[in-house]
Structures are given as C-alpha cells and as structure tokens.
C-alpha atoms as a PDB file:
ATOM      1  CA  MET A   1     -43.643  -6.370  25.656  1.00  0.00           C
ATOM      2  CA  SER A   2     -47.130  -6.773  27.084  1.00  0.00           C
ATOM      3  CA  LYS A   3     -48.363 -10.118  28.254  1.00  0.00           C
ATOM      4  CA  TYR A   4     -51.691 -11.357  27.002  1.00  0.00           C
ATOM      5  CA  ALA A   5     -54.214 -13.903  28.207  1.00  0.00           C
ATOM      6  CA  THR A   6     -56.674 -15.658  25.963  1.00  0.00           C
ATOM      7  CA  VAL A   7     -60.362 -15.226  26.670  1.00  0.00           C
ATOM      8  CA  SER A   8     -62.818 -17.351  24.739  1.00  0.00           C
ATOM      9  CA  VAL A   9     -66.503 -16.819  24.228  1.00  0.00           C
ATOM     10  CA  LYS A  10     -69.094 -18.974  22.552  1.00  0.00           C
ATOM     11  CA  VAL A  11     -71.757 -17.252  20.491  1.00  0.00           C
ATOM     12  CA  PRO A  12     -74.600 -18.657  18.421  1.00  0.00           C
ATOM     13  CA  THR A  13     -73.595 -19.525  14.852  1.00  0.00           C
ATOM     14  CA  GLU A  14     -76.033 -16.965  13.463  1.00  0.00           C
ATOM     15  CA  LEU A  15     -74.352 -14.229  15.478  1.00  0.00           C
ATOM     16  CA  LYS A  16     -70.915 -15.242  14.200  1.00  0.00           C
ATOM     17  CA  LYS A  17     -72.208 -15.197  10.634  1.00  0.00           C
ATOM     18  CA  GLU A  18     -73.540 -11.665  11.150  1.00  0.00           C
ATOM     19  CA  LEU A  19     -70.173 -10.556  12.541  1.00  0.00           C
ATOM     20  CA  ASP A  20     -68.432 -11.954   9.470  1.00  0.00           C
ATOM     21  CA  LYS A  21     -70.994 -10.482   7.085  1.00  0.00           C
ATOM     22  CA  LEU A  22     -70.590  -7.032   8.631  1.00  0.00           C
ATOM     23  CA  GLY A  23     -66.796  -7.289   8.784  1.00  0.00           C
ATOM     24  CA  ILE A  24     -66.696  -6.934  12.557  1.00  0.00           C
ATOM     25  CA  LYS A  25     -63.588  -8.282  14.240  1.00  0.00           C
ATOM     26  CA  PRO A  26     -64.737 -10.035  17.429  1.00  0.00           C
ATOM     27  CA  SER A  27     -61.404  -9.577  19.198  1.00  0.00           C
ATOM     28  CA  LYS A  28     -61.462  -5.780  18.848  1.00  0.00           C
ATOM     29  CA  LEU A  29     -65.131  -5.608  19.796  1.00  0.00           C
ATOM     30  CA  LEU A  30     -64.715  -7.808  22.868  1.00  0.00           C
ATOM     31  CA  ARG A  31     -61.534  -6.024  23.965  1.00  0.00           C
ATOM     32  CA  ARG A  32     -63.320  -2.667  23.809  1.00  0.00           C
ATOM     33  CA  ALA A  33     -66.414  -4.045  25.594  1.00  0.00           C
ATOM     34  CA  ILE A  34     -64.244  -5.467  28.387  1.00  0.00           C
ATOM     35  CA  GLN A  35     -62.332  -2.196  28.766  1.00  0.00           C
ATOM     36  CA  ASP A  36     -65.592  -0.213  28.859  1.00  0.00           C
ATOM     37  CA  GLU A  37     -67.094  -2.525  31.479  1.00  0.00           C
ATOM     38  CA  ILE A  38     -63.974  -2.339  33.663  1.00  0.00           C
ATOM     39  CA  ARG A  39     -64.035   1.458  33.416  1.00  0.00           C
ATOM     40  CA  ARG A  40     -67.781   1.579  34.196  1.00  0.00           C
ATOM     41  CA  ARG A  41     -67.424  -0.648  37.254  1.00  0.00           C
ATOM     42  CA  GLY A  42     -64.413   1.331  38.473  1.00  0.00           C
ATOM     43  CA  VAL A  43     -66.407   4.554  38.279  1.00  0.00           C
ATOM     44  CA  GLU A  44     -69.319   2.899  40.059  1.00  0.00           C
ATOM     45  CA  LYS A  45     -66.996   1.681  42.835  1.00  0.00           C
ATOM     46  CA  ILE A  46     -65.633   5.202  43.316  1.00  0.00           C
ATOM     47  CA  ARG A  47     -69.192   6.586  43.415  1.00  0.00           C
ATOM     48  CA  ARG A  48     -70.126   4.118  46.147  1.00  0.00           C
ATOM     49  CA  GLU A  49     -67.003   5.047  48.125  1.00  0.00           C
ATOM     50  CA  ILE A  50     -67.774   8.762  47.802  1.00  0.00           C
ATOM     51  CA  GLU A  51     -71.349   8.152  48.878  1.00  0.00           C
ATOM     52  CA  SER A  52     -70.189   6.239  51.958  1.00  0.00           C
ATOM     53  CA  LEU A  53     -67.850   9.118  52.881  1.00  0.00           C
ATOM     54  CA  ARG A  54     -70.479  11.791  52.285  1.00  0.00           C
ATOM     55  CA  ALA A  55     -72.111  11.297  55.696  1.00  0.00           C
ATOM     56  CA  ALA A  56     -68.766  11.521  57.507  1.00  0.00           C
ATOM     57  CA  LEU A  57     -67.711  14.587  55.533  1.00  0.00           C
ATOM     58  CA  ALA A  58     -71.036  16.293  56.222  1.00  0.00           C
ATOM     59  CA  LYS A  59     -70.171  16.261  59.937  1.00  0.00           C
ATOM     60  CA  ILE A  60     -67.059  18.389  59.340  1.00  0.00           C
ATOM     61  CA  SER A  61     -67.705  22.107  59.144  1.00  0.00           C
ATOM     62  CA  ILE A  62     -66.055  24.225  56.466  1.00  0.00           C
ATOM     63  CA  GLU A  63     -64.302  26.208  59.185  1.00  0.00           C
ATOM     64  CA  ASP A  64     -62.767  23.049  60.664  1.00  0.00           C
ATOM     65  CA  PHE A  65     -61.720  21.914  57.227  1.00  0.00           C
ATOM     66  CA  VAL A  66     -60.051  25.250  56.402  1.00  0.00           C
ATOM     67  CA  ARG A  67     -58.379  25.395  59.814  1.00  0.00           C
ATOM     68  CA  SER A  68     -56.993  21.900  59.334  1.00  0.00           C
ATOM     69  CA  ILE A  69     -55.530  22.793  55.933  1.00  0.00           C
ATOM     70  CA  ARG A  70     -53.939  25.968  57.304  1.00  0.00           C
ATOM     71  CA  GLU A  71     -52.409  24.095  60.240  1.00  0.00           C
ATOM     72  CA  ASP A  72     -51.029  21.478  57.893  1.00  0.00           C
ATOM     73  CA  ARG A  73     -49.477  24.143  55.652  1.00  0.00           C
ATOM     74  CA  GLU A  74     -47.895  25.915  58.632  1.00  0.00           C
ATOM     75  CA  GLN A  75     -46.263  22.664  59.772  1.00  0.00           C
ATOM     76  CA  ARG A  76     -44.514  22.252  56.423  1.00  0.00           C
END
C-alpha cells in the first residue's frame, strides 16, 4: 500500500466556488499539477546537466570515442 502525505493549499473563496460550480476536484487537479511540475523540473535538470557536459564531450573526437568503445568490447 502506498503512503500518502497531506498537502494543503489556501485559495480565494471565489476560486473555490468556481471549482465547485465546474465540478473540478481540487485533489486530482493539484496532484496532476504537482506531477507535471516535478516532471518538468526533472527534464530541465537533465538539460542543464547535458549542457554542462557538452563542452567536455566536444573535446573528444569521434575516433577516440569509437576506439574507446571497441577497446571496452574487446576486454569483455
């Protein structure tokens, strides 16, 4: 069974009334928004990491890269 934590948010009364009027369940909406934001930030973090490695990888020639892979395969 999954464990859950409670997250509370305060919204203006008018906003809550609109949610109710439109039949929107805040818990589902917030859960999805949190998941989307976590995914977005994870992708952004990976992009930054790739960008920081790009300069180092640019210094390695394709020939060196291929040679390294071949040597690694031969050792196995």
